[in-house]
């Protein structure tokens, strides 16, 4: 994801400002694949407060980056899972 072209990007911010939120979004999706983003927001907000040092963004400002990372991680993992299942089915049929 090129953060400067993302909908959440604000002029003057650096990748380092978004990095904690992006990290949280990705890891939360991996840890909670069956949930929706809104289900984990309270936990992410609390975790963000613990790891956001160096970021100039409040959670309210960073939450959009976390959600975008969550969505991207879900899309990628879903595509990988579908490819794996397709290959498995192909091998079983052979």
PDB file of N, CA and C in Angstrom:
ATOM      1  N   UNK A   1       0.863  -1.176   0.000  1.00  0.00           N
ATOM      2  CA  UNK A   1       0.000   0.000   0.000  1.00  0.00           C
ATOM      3  C   UNK A   1       0.905   1.234   0.000  1.00  0.00           C
ATOM      4  N   UNK A   2       0.666   2.128  -0.933  1.00  0.00           N
ATOM      5  CA  UNK A   2       1.388   3.387  -0.950  1.00  0.00           C
ATOM      6  C   UNK A   2       0.569   4.390  -0.146  1.00  0.00           C
ATOM      7  N   UNK A   3       1.020   4.670   1.047  1.00  0.00           N
ATOM      8  CA  UNK A   3       0.210   5.452   1.984  1.00  0.00           C
ATOM      9  C   UNK A   3      -0.086   6.854   1.476  1.00  0.00           C
ATOM     10  N   UNK A   4       0.773   7.427   0.658  1.00  0.00           N
ATOM     11  CA  UNK A   4       0.525   8.789   0.163  1.00  0.00           C
ATOM     12  C   UNK A   4      -0.656   8.863  -0.805  1.00  0.00           C
ATOM     13  N   UNK A   5      -1.044   7.732  -1.362  1.00  0.00           N
ATOM     14  CA  UNK A   5      -2.190   7.706  -2.274  1.00  0.00           C
ATOM     15  C   UNK A   5      -3.451   7.150  -1.608  1.00  0.00           C
ATOM     16  N   UNK A   6      -3.340   6.821  -0.346  1.00  0.00           N
ATOM     17  CA  UNK A   6      -4.483   6.260   0.380  1.00  0.00           C
ATOM     18  C   UNK A   6      -5.463   7.361   0.780  1.00  0.00           C
ATOM     19  N   UNK A   7      -6.712   6.986   0.915  1.00  0.00           N
ATOM     20  CA  UNK A   7      -7.754   7.950   1.285  1.00  0.00           C
ATOM     21  C   UNK A   7      -7.496   8.590   2.643  1.00  0.00           C
ATOM     22  N   UNK A   8      -6.828   7.882   3.538  1.00  0.00           N
ATOM     23  CA  UNK A   8      -6.587   8.399   4.885  1.00  0.00           C
ATOM     24  C   UNK A   8      -5.413   9.379   4.967  1.00  0.00           C
ATOM     25  N   UNK A   9      -4.609   9.474   3.921  1.00  0.00           N
ATOM     26  CA  UNK A   9      -3.391  10.295   3.973  1.00  0.00           C
ATOM     27  C   UNK A   9      -3.708  11.777   4.178  1.00  0.00           C
ATOM     28  N   UNK A  10      -2.938  12.378   5.059  1.00  0.00           N
ATOM     29  CA  UNK A  10      -3.033  13.825   5.292  1.00  0.00           C
ATOM     30  C   UNK A  10      -1.690  14.451   4.944  1.00  0.00           C
ATOM     31  N   UNK A  11      -1.716  15.563   4.219  1.00  0.00           N
ATOM     32  CA  UNK A  11      -0.477  16.251   3.859  1.00  0.00           C
ATOM     33  C   UNK A  11       0.369  16.517   5.096  1.00  0.00           C
ATOM     34  N   UNK A  12       1.660  16.308   4.943  1.00  0.00           N
ATOM     35  CA  UNK A  12       2.588  16.587   6.026  1.00  0.00           C
ATOM     36  C   UNK A  12       2.856  15.425   6.959  1.00  0.00           C
ATOM     37  N   UNK A  13       2.140  14.322   6.778  1.00  0.00           N
ATOM     38  CA  UNK A  13       2.392  13.173   7.630  1.00  0.00           C
ATOM     39  C   UNK A  13       3.413  12.258   6.963  1.00  0.00           C
ATOM     40  N   UNK A  14       4.095  11.482   7.793  1.00  0.00           N
ATOM     41  CA  UNK A  14       5.118  10.561   7.320  1.00  0.00           C
ATOM     42  C   UNK A  14       4.619   9.129   7.489  1.00  0.00           C
ATOM     43  N   UNK A  15       5.303   8.211   6.836  1.00  0.00           N
ATOM     44  CA  UNK A  15       4.934   6.805   6.998  1.00  0.00           C
ATOM     45  C   UNK A  15       5.016   6.416   8.471  1.00  0.00           C
ATOM     46  N   UNK A  16       6.025   6.918   9.168  1.00  0.00           N
ATOM     47  CA  UNK A  16       6.206   6.600  10.579  1.00  0.00           C
ATOM     48  C   UNK A  16       4.990   6.982  11.418  1.00  0.00           C
ATOM     49  N   UNK A  17       4.236   7.985  10.964  1.00  0.00           N
ATOM     50  CA  UNK A  17       3.019   8.374  11.672  1.00  0.00           C
ATOM     51  C   UNK A  17       1.929   7.308  11.532  1.00  0.00           C
ATOM     52  N   UNK A  18       1.884   6.665  10.375  1.00  0.00           N
ATOM     53  CA  UNK A  18       0.857   5.664  10.100  1.00  0.00           C
ATOM     54  C   UNK A  18       1.277   4.246  10.471  1.00  0.00           C
ATOM     55  N   UNK A  19       2.573   4.003  10.577  1.00  0.00           N
ATOM     56  CA  UNK A  19       3.089   2.641  10.764  1.00  0.00           C
ATOM     57  C   UNK A  19       2.451   1.889  11.934  1.00  0.00           C
ATOM     58  N   UNK A  20       2.305   2.490  13.122  1.00  0.00           N
ATOM     59  CA  UNK A  20       1.670   1.725  14.216  1.00  0.00           C
ATOM     60  C   UNK A  20       0.235   1.286  13.878  1.00  0.00           C
ATOM     61  N   UNK A  21      -0.521   2.154  13.250  1.00  0.00           N
ATOM     62  CA  UNK A  21      -1.906   1.820  12.901  1.00  0.00           C
ATOM     63  C   UNK A  21      -1.952   0.756  11.813  1.00  0.00           C
ATOM     64  N   UNK A  22      -1.069   0.841  10.843  1.00  0.00           N
ATOM     65  CA  UNK A  22      -1.014  -0.162   9.777  1.00  0.00           C
ATOM     66  C   UNK A  22      -0.640  -1.518  10.365  1.00  0.00           C
ATOM     67  N   UNK A  23       0.357  -1.524  11.217  1.00  0.00           N
ATOM     68  CA  UNK A  23       0.769  -2.762  11.891  1.00  0.00           C
ATOM     69  C   UNK A  23      -0.413  -3.371  12.660  1.00  0.00           C
ATOM     70  N   UNK A  24      -1.108  -2.553  13.416  1.00  0.00           N
ATOM     71  CA  UNK A  24      -2.236  -3.057  14.198  1.00  0.00           C
ATOM     72  C   UNK A  24      -3.342  -3.609  13.306  1.00  0.00           C
ATOM     73  N   UNK A  25      -3.648  -2.923  12.220  1.00  0.00           N
ATOM     74  CA  UNK A  25      -4.691  -3.398  11.319  1.00  0.00           C
ATOM     75  C   UNK A  25      -4.369  -4.751  10.717  1.00  0.00           C
ATOM     76  N   UNK A  26      -3.115  -4.925  10.289  1.00  0.00           N
ATOM     77  CA  UNK A  26      -2.703  -6.198   9.696  1.00  0.00           C
ATOM     78  C   UNK A  26      -2.714  -7.307  10.735  1.00  0.00           C
ATOM     79  N   UNK A  27      -2.081  -7.071  11.867  1.00  0.00           N
ATOM     80  CA  UNK A  27      -1.998  -8.136  12.874  1.00  0.00           C
ATOM     81  C   UNK A  27      -3.367  -8.481  13.453  1.00  0.00           C
ATOM     82  N   UNK A  28      -4.224  -7.498  13.622  1.00  0.00           N
ATOM     83  CA  UNK A  28      -5.562  -7.775  14.156  1.00  0.00           C
ATOM     84  C   UNK A  28      -6.373  -8.626  13.186  1.00  0.00           C
ATOM     85  N   UNK A  29      -6.222  -8.399  11.891  1.00  0.00           N
ATOM     86  CA  UNK A  29      -6.959  -9.194  10.912  1.00  0.00           C
ATOM     87  C   UNK A  29      -6.442 -10.633  10.919  1.00  0.00           C
ATOM     88  N   UNK A  30      -5.135 -10.796  11.017  1.00  0.00           N
ATOM     89  CA  UNK A  30      -4.558 -12.141  11.061  1.00  0.00           C
ATOM     90  C   UNK A  30      -5.009 -12.868  12.329  1.00  0.00           C
ATOM     91  N   UNK A  31      -5.044 -12.160  13.447  1.00  0.00           N
ATOM     92  CA  UNK A  31      -5.430 -12.763  14.718  1.00  0.00           C
ATOM     93  C   UNK A  31      -6.932 -13.006  14.838  1.00  0.00           C
ATOM     94  N   UNK A  32      -7.743 -12.264  14.078  1.00  0.00           N
ATOM     95  CA  UNK A  32      -9.208 -12.325  14.189  1.00  0.00           C
ATOM     96  C   UNK A  32      -9.869 -12.426  12.824  1.00  0.00           C
ATOM     97  N   UNK A  33      -9.558 -13.446  12.043  1.00  0.00           N
ATOM     98  CA  UNK A  33     -10.064 -13.495  10.669  1.00  0.00           C
ATOM     99  C   UNK A  33     -11.583 -13.592  10.555  1.00  0.00           C
ATOM    100  N   UNK A  34     -12.239 -14.058  11.584  1.00  0.00           N
ATOM    101  CA  UNK A  34     -13.692 -14.212  11.521  1.00  0.00           C
ATOM    102  C   UNK A  34     -14.476 -12.994  11.962  1.00  0.00           C
ATOM    103  N   UNK A  35     -13.785 -11.963  12.408  1.00  0.00           N
ATOM    104  CA  UNK A  35     -14.463 -10.763  12.894  1.00  0.00           C
ATOM    105  C   UNK A  35     -14.466  -9.662  11.849  1.00  0.00           C
ATOM    106  N   UNK A  36     -15.260  -8.647  12.094  1.00  0.00           N
ATOM    107  CA  UNK A  36     -15.228  -7.439  11.268  1.00  0.00           C
ATOM    108  C   UNK A  36     -14.433  -6.380  12.028  1.00  0.00           C
ATOM    109  N   UNK A  37     -13.947  -5.397  11.315  1.00  0.00           N
ATOM    110  CA  UNK A  37     -13.070  -4.388  11.906  1.00  0.00           C
ATOM    111  C   UNK A  37     -13.699  -3.737  13.137  1.00  0.00           C
ATOM    112  N   UNK A  38     -14.965  -3.365  13.050  1.00  0.00           N
ATOM    113  CA  UNK A  38     -15.617  -2.684  14.171  1.00  0.00           C
ATOM    114  C   UNK A  38     -15.598  -3.506  15.464  1.00  0.00           C
ATOM    115  N   UNK A  39     -15.534  -4.833  15.321  1.00  0.00           N
ATOM    116  CA  UNK A  39     -15.487  -5.695  16.506  1.00  0.00           C
ATOM    117  C   UNK A  39     -14.197  -5.542  17.303  1.00  0.00           C
ATOM    118  N   UNK A  40     -13.125  -5.145  16.644  1.00  0.00           N
ATOM    119  CA  UNK A  40     -11.821  -5.077  17.314  1.00  0.00           C
ATOM    120  C   UNK A  40     -11.348  -3.655  17.591  1.00  0.00           C
ATOM    121  N   UNK A  41     -12.133  -2.665  17.209  1.00  0.00           N
ATOM    122  CA  UNK A  41     -11.727  -1.269  17.391  1.00  0.00           C
ATOM    123  C   UNK A  41     -11.361  -0.937  18.838  1.00  0.00           C
ATOM    124  N   UNK A  42     -12.148  -1.309  19.843  1.00  0.00           N
ATOM    125  CA  UNK A  42     -11.759  -0.961  21.212  1.00  0.00           C
ATOM    126  C   UNK A  42     -10.386  -1.528  21.600  1.00  0.00           C
ATOM    127  N   UNK A  43     -10.139  -2.769  21.220  1.00  0.00           N
ATOM    128  CA  UNK A  43      -8.842  -3.380  21.512  1.00  0.00           C
ATOM    129  C   UNK A  43      -7.717  -2.669  20.751  1.00  0.00           C
ATOM    130  N   UNK A  44      -7.967  -2.347  19.488  1.00  0.00           N
ATOM    131  CA  UNK A  44      -6.939  -1.664  18.698  1.00  0.00           C
ATOM    132  C   UNK A  44      -6.629  -0.284  19.254  1.00  0.00           C
ATOM    133  N   UNK A  45      -7.649   0.415  19.675  1.00  0.00           N
ATOM    134  CA  UNK A  45      -7.422   1.744  20.253  1.00  0.00           C
ATOM    135  C   UNK A  45      -6.532   1.643  21.488  1.00  0.00           C
ATOM    136  N   UNK A  46      -6.799   0.675  22.343  1.00  0.00           N
ATOM    137  CA  UNK A  46      -5.979   0.495  23.547  1.00  0.00           C
ATOM    138  C   UNK A  46      -4.552   0.108  23.181  1.00  0.00           C
ATOM    139  N   UNK A  47      -4.410  -0.790  22.205  1.00  0.00           N
ATOM    140  CA  UNK A  47      -3.066  -1.198  21.784  1.00  0.00           C
ATOM    141  C   UNK A  47      -2.331  -0.047  21.108  1.00  0.00           C
ATOM    142  N   UNK A  48      -3.068   0.771  20.362  1.00  0.00           N
ATOM    143  CA  UNK A  48      -2.445   1.909  19.689  1.00  0.00           C
ATOM    144  C   UNK A  48      -1.828   2.855  20.713  1.00  0.00           C
ATOM    145  N   UNK A  49      -2.526   3.088  21.788  1.00  0.00           N
ATOM    146  CA  UNK A  49      -2.009   3.983  22.830  1.00  0.00           C
ATOM    147  C   UNK A  49      -0.687   3.468  23.391  1.00  0.00           C
ATOM    148  N   UNK A  50      -0.491   2.160  23.384  1.00  0.00           N
ATOM    149  CA  UNK A  50       0.737   1.563  23.906  1.00  0.00           C
ATOM    150  C   UNK A  50       1.896   1.625  22.924  1.00  0.00           C
ATOM    151  N   UNK A  51       1.610   1.617  21.611  1.00  0.00           N
ATOM    152  CA  UNK A  51       2.698   1.514  20.635  1.00  0.00           C
ATOM    153  C   UNK A  51       2.859   2.727  19.731  1.00  0.00           C
ATOM    154  N   UNK A  52       2.107   3.774  19.934  1.00  0.00           N
ATOM    155  CA  UNK A  52       2.091   4.883  18.976  1.00  0.00           C
ATOM    156  C   UNK A  52       3.220   5.894  19.156  1.00  0.00           C
ATOM    157  N   UNK A  53       4.172   5.614  20.019  1.00  0.00           N
ATOM    158  CA  UNK A  53       5.249   6.583  20.221  1.00  0.00           C
ATOM    159  C   UNK A  53       5.927   6.895  18.892  1.00  0.00           C
ATOM    160  N   UNK A  54       6.183   8.144  18.663  1.00  0.00           N
ATOM    161  CA  UNK A  54       6.773   8.581  17.410  1.00  0.00           C
ATOM    162  C   UNK A  54       5.756   9.023  16.376  1.00  0.00           C
ATOM    163  N   UNK A  55       4.517   8.626  16.552  1.00  0.00           N
ATOM    164  CA  UNK A  55       3.465   9.040  15.631  1.00  0.00           C
ATOM    165  C   UNK A  55       2.854  10.350  16.113  1.00  0.00           C
ATOM    166  N   UNK A  56       2.525  11.196  15.175  1.00  0.00           N
ATOM    167  CA  UNK A  56       1.864  12.457  15.514  1.00  0.00           C
ATOM    168  C   UNK A  56       0.346  12.330  15.488  1.00  0.00           C
ATOM    169  N   UNK A  57      -0.149  11.125  15.170  1.00  0.00           N
ATOM    170  CA  UNK A  57      -1.586  10.929  14.990  1.00  0.00           C
ATOM    171  C   UNK A  57      -2.270  10.410  16.245  1.00  0.00           C
ATOM    172  N   UNK A  58      -3.418  10.954  16.536  1.00  0.00           N
ATOM    173  CA  UNK A  58      -4.271  10.390  17.581  1.00  0.00           C
ATOM    174  C   UNK A  58      -4.918   9.131  17.009  1.00  0.00           C
ATOM    175  N   UNK A  59      -5.542   8.333  17.872  1.00  0.00           N
ATOM    176  CA  UNK A  59      -6.239   7.151  17.374  1.00  0.00           C
ATOM    177  C   UNK A  59      -7.329   7.540  16.381  1.00  0.00           C
ATOM    178  N   UNK A  60      -8.052   8.602  16.667  1.00  0.00           N
ATOM    179  CA  UNK A  60      -9.125   9.041  15.757  1.00  0.00           C
ATOM    180  C   UNK A  60      -8.578   9.303  14.360  1.00  0.00           C
ATOM    181  N   UNK A  61      -7.370   9.836  14.280  1.00  0.00           N
ATOM    182  CA  UNK A  61      -6.746  10.103  12.979  1.00  0.00           C
ATOM    183  C   UNK A  61      -6.148   8.844  12.364  1.00  0.00           C
ATOM    184  N   UNK A  62      -5.688   7.925  13.191  1.00  0.00           N
ATOM    185  CA  UNK A  62      -5.002   6.723  12.714  1.00  0.00           C
ATOM    186  C   UNK A  62      -5.947   5.566  12.405  1.00  0.00           C
ATOM    187  N   UNK A  63      -7.146   5.609  12.924  1.00  0.00           N
ATOM    188  CA  UNK A  63      -8.076   4.486  12.775  1.00  0.00           C
ATOM    189  C   UNK A  63      -8.365   4.159  11.313  1.00  0.00           C
ATOM    190  N   UNK A  64      -8.429   5.159  10.457  1.00  0.00           N
ATOM    191  CA  UNK A  64      -8.690   4.903   9.031  1.00  0.00           C
ATOM    192  C   UNK A  64      -7.553   4.111   8.401  1.00  0.00           C
ATOM    193  N   UNK A  65      -6.321   4.396   8.806  1.00  0.00           N
ATOM    194  CA  UNK A  65      -5.168   3.641   8.301  1.00  0.00           C
ATOM    195  C   UNK A  65      -5.221   2.204   8.792  1.00  0.00           C
ATOM    196  N   UNK A  66      -5.604   2.003  10.052  1.00  0.00           N
ATOM    197  CA  UNK A  66      -5.733   0.650  10.596  1.00  0.00           C
ATOM    198  C   UNK A  66      -6.808  -0.127   9.842  1.00  0.00           C
ATOM    199  N   UNK A  67      -7.915   0.525   9.564  1.00  0.00           N
ATOM    200  CA  UNK A  67      -8.997  -0.162   8.840  1.00  0.00           C
ATOM    201  C   UNK A  67      -8.589  -0.491   7.409  1.00  0.00           C
ATOM    202  N   UNK A  68      -7.879   0.407   6.754  1.00  0.00           N
ATOM    203  CA  UNK A  68      -7.409   0.144   5.395  1.00  0.00           C
ATOM    204  C   UNK A  68      -6.440  -1.041   5.380  1.00  0.00           C
ATOM    205  N   UNK A  69      -5.553  -1.104   6.373  1.00  0.00           N
ATOM    206  CA  UNK A  69      -4.612  -2.217   6.459  1.00  0.00           C
ATOM    207  C   UNK A  69      -5.346  -3.517   6.747  1.00  0.00           C
ATOM    208  N   UNK A  70      -6.344  -3.466   7.621  1.00  0.00           N
ATOM    209  CA  UNK A  70      -7.185  -4.632   7.930  1.00  0.00           C
ATOM    210  C   UNK A  70      -7.850  -5.160   6.649  1.00  0.00           C
ATOM    211  N   UNK A  71      -8.448  -4.249   5.898  1.00  0.00           N
ATOM    212  CA  UNK A  71      -9.155  -4.620   4.674  1.00  0.00           C
ATOM    213  C   UNK A  71      -8.202  -5.232   3.653  1.00  0.00           C
ATOM    214  N   UNK A  72      -7.047  -4.631   3.506  1.00  0.00           N
ATOM    215  CA  UNK A  72      -6.043  -5.145   2.555  1.00  0.00           C
ATOM    216  C   UNK A  72      -5.559  -6.527   2.994  1.00  0.00           C
ATOM    217  N   UNK A  73      -5.285  -6.707   4.272  1.00  0.00           N
ATOM    218  CA  UNK A  73      -4.835  -8.008   4.769  1.00  0.00           C
ATOM    219  C   UNK A  73      -5.909  -9.070   4.557  1.00  0.00           C
ATOM    220  N   UNK A  74      -7.161  -8.708   4.777  1.00  0.00           N
ATOM    221  CA  UNK A  74      -8.264  -9.655   4.554  1.00  0.00           C
ATOM    222  C   UNK A  74      -8.357 -10.035   3.082  1.00  0.00           C
ATOM    223  N   UNK A  75      -8.212  -9.054   2.203  1.00  0.00           N
ATOM    224  CA  UNK A  75      -8.290  -9.321   0.769  1.00  0.00           C
ATOM    225  C   UNK A  75      -7.154 -10.257   0.337  1.00  0.00           C
ATOM    226  N   UNK A  76      -5.953  -9.977   0.782  1.00  0.00           N
ATOM    227  CA  UNK A  76      -4.803 -10.789   0.396  1.00  0.00           C
ATOM    228  C   UNK A  76      -4.920 -12.200   0.963  1.00  0.00           C
ATOM    229  N   UNK A  77      -5.303 -12.318   2.217  1.00  0.00           N
ATOM    230  CA  UNK A  77      -5.415 -13.651   2.808  1.00  0.00           C
ATOM    231  C   UNK A  77      -6.556 -14.438   2.165  1.00  0.00           C
ATOM    232  N   UNK A  78      -7.624 -13.763   1.803  1.00  0.00           N
ATOM    233  CA  UNK A  78      -8.730 -14.436   1.125  1.00  0.00           C
ATOM    234  C   UNK A  78      -8.321 -14.948  -0.251  1.00  0.00           C
ATOM    235  N   UNK A  79      -7.559 -14.156  -0.980  1.00  0.00           N
ATOM    236  CA  UNK A  79      -7.081 -14.577  -2.299  1.00  0.00           C
ATOM    237  C   UNK A  79      -6.115 -15.755  -2.164  1.00  0.00           C
ATOM    238  N   UNK A  80      -5.244 -15.698  -1.170  1.00  0.00           N
ATOM    239  CA  UNK A  80      -4.302 -16.794  -0.953  1.00  0.00           C
ATOM    240  C   UNK A  80      -5.049 -18.073  -0.573  1.00  0.00           C
ATOM    241  N   UNK A  81      -6.038 -17.941   0.285  1.00  0.00           N
ATOM    242  CA  UNK A  81      -6.826 -19.100   0.706  1.00  0.00           C
ATOM    243  C   UNK A  81      -7.564 -19.700  -0.496  1.00  0.00           C
ATOM    244  N   UNK A  82      -8.141 -18.869  -1.345  1.00  0.00           N
ATOM    245  CA  UNK A  82      -8.861 -19.358  -2.522  1.00  0.00           C
ATOM    246  C   UNK A  82      -7.913 -20.068  -3.488  1.00  0.00           C
ATOM    247  N   UNK A  83      -6.727 -19.514  -3.694  1.00  0.00           N
ATOM    248  CA  UNK A  83      -5.744 -20.148  -4.576  1.00  0.00           C
ATOM    249  C   UNK A  83      -5.312 -21.499  -4.020  1.00  0.00           C
ATOM    250  N   UNK A  84      -5.099 -21.556  -2.711  1.00  0.00           N
ATOM    251  CA  UNK A  84      -4.710 -22.818  -2.076  1.00  0.00           C
ATOM    252  C   UNK A  84      -5.806 -23.861  -2.243  1.00  0.00           C
ATOM    253  N   UNK A  85      -7.044 -23.486  -1.964  1.00  0.00           N
ATOM    254  CA  UNK A  85      -8.158 -24.429  -2.070  1.00  0.00           C
ATOM    255  C   UNK A  85      -8.360 -24.899  -3.503  1.00  0.00           C
ATOM    256  N   UNK A  86      -8.169 -24.006  -4.456  1.00  0.00           N
ATOM    257  CA  UNK A  86      -8.281 -24.372  -5.866  1.00  0.00           C
ATOM    258  C   UNK A  86      -7.205 -25.376  -6.257  1.00  0.00           C
ATOM    259  N   UNK A  87      -5.991 -25.121  -5.830  1.00  0.00           N
ATOM    260  CA  UNK A  87      -4.887 -26.039  -6.128  1.00  0.00           C
ATOM    261  C   UNK A  87      -5.107 -27.387  -5.454  1.00  0.00           C
ATOM    262  N   UNK A  88      -5.578 -27.369  -4.230  1.00  0.00           N
ATOM    263  CA  UNK A  88      -5.867 -28.608  -3.521  1.00  0.00           C
ATOM    264  C   UNK A  88      -6.940 -29.419  -4.249  1.00  0.00           C
ATOM    265  N   UNK A  89      -7.987 -28.769  -4.677  1.00  0.00           N
ATOM    266  CA  UNK A  89      -9.054 -29.444  -5.420  1.00  0.00           C
ATOM    267  C   UNK A  89      -8.531 -30.006  -6.742  1.00  0.00           C
ATOM    268  N   UNK A  90      -7.693 -29.239  -7.414  1.00  0.00           N
ATOM    269  CA  UNK A  90      -7.114 -29.697  -8.680  1.00  0.00           C
ATOM    270  C   UNK A  90      -6.279 -30.949  -8.461  1.00  0.00           C
ATOM    271  N   UNK A  91      -5.484 -30.973  -7.411  1.00  0.00           N
ATOM    272  CA  UNK A  91      -4.628 -32.143  -7.127  1.00  0.00           C
ATOM    273  C   UNK A  91      -5.460 -33.356  -6.726  1.00  0.00           C
ATOM    274  N   UNK A  92      -6.538 -33.124  -6.010  1.00  0.00           N
ATOM    275  CA  UNK A  92      -7.391 -34.248  -5.616  1.00  0.00           C
ATOM    276  C   UNK A  92      -8.083 -34.864  -6.835  1.00  0.00           C
ATOM    277  N   UNK A  93      -8.432 -34.009  -7.789  1.00  0.00           N
ATOM    278  CA  UNK A  93      -9.120 -34.474  -8.988  1.00  0.00           C
ATOM    279  C   UNK A  93      -8.177 -35.198  -9.947  1.00  0.00           C
ATOM    280  N   UNK A  94      -6.897 -34.935  -9.839  1.00  0.00           N
ATOM    281  CA  UNK A  94      -5.918 -35.531 -10.775  1.00  0.00           C
ATOM    282  C   UNK A  94      -5.628 -36.978 -10.466  1.00  0.00           C
TER     283      UNK A  94
END
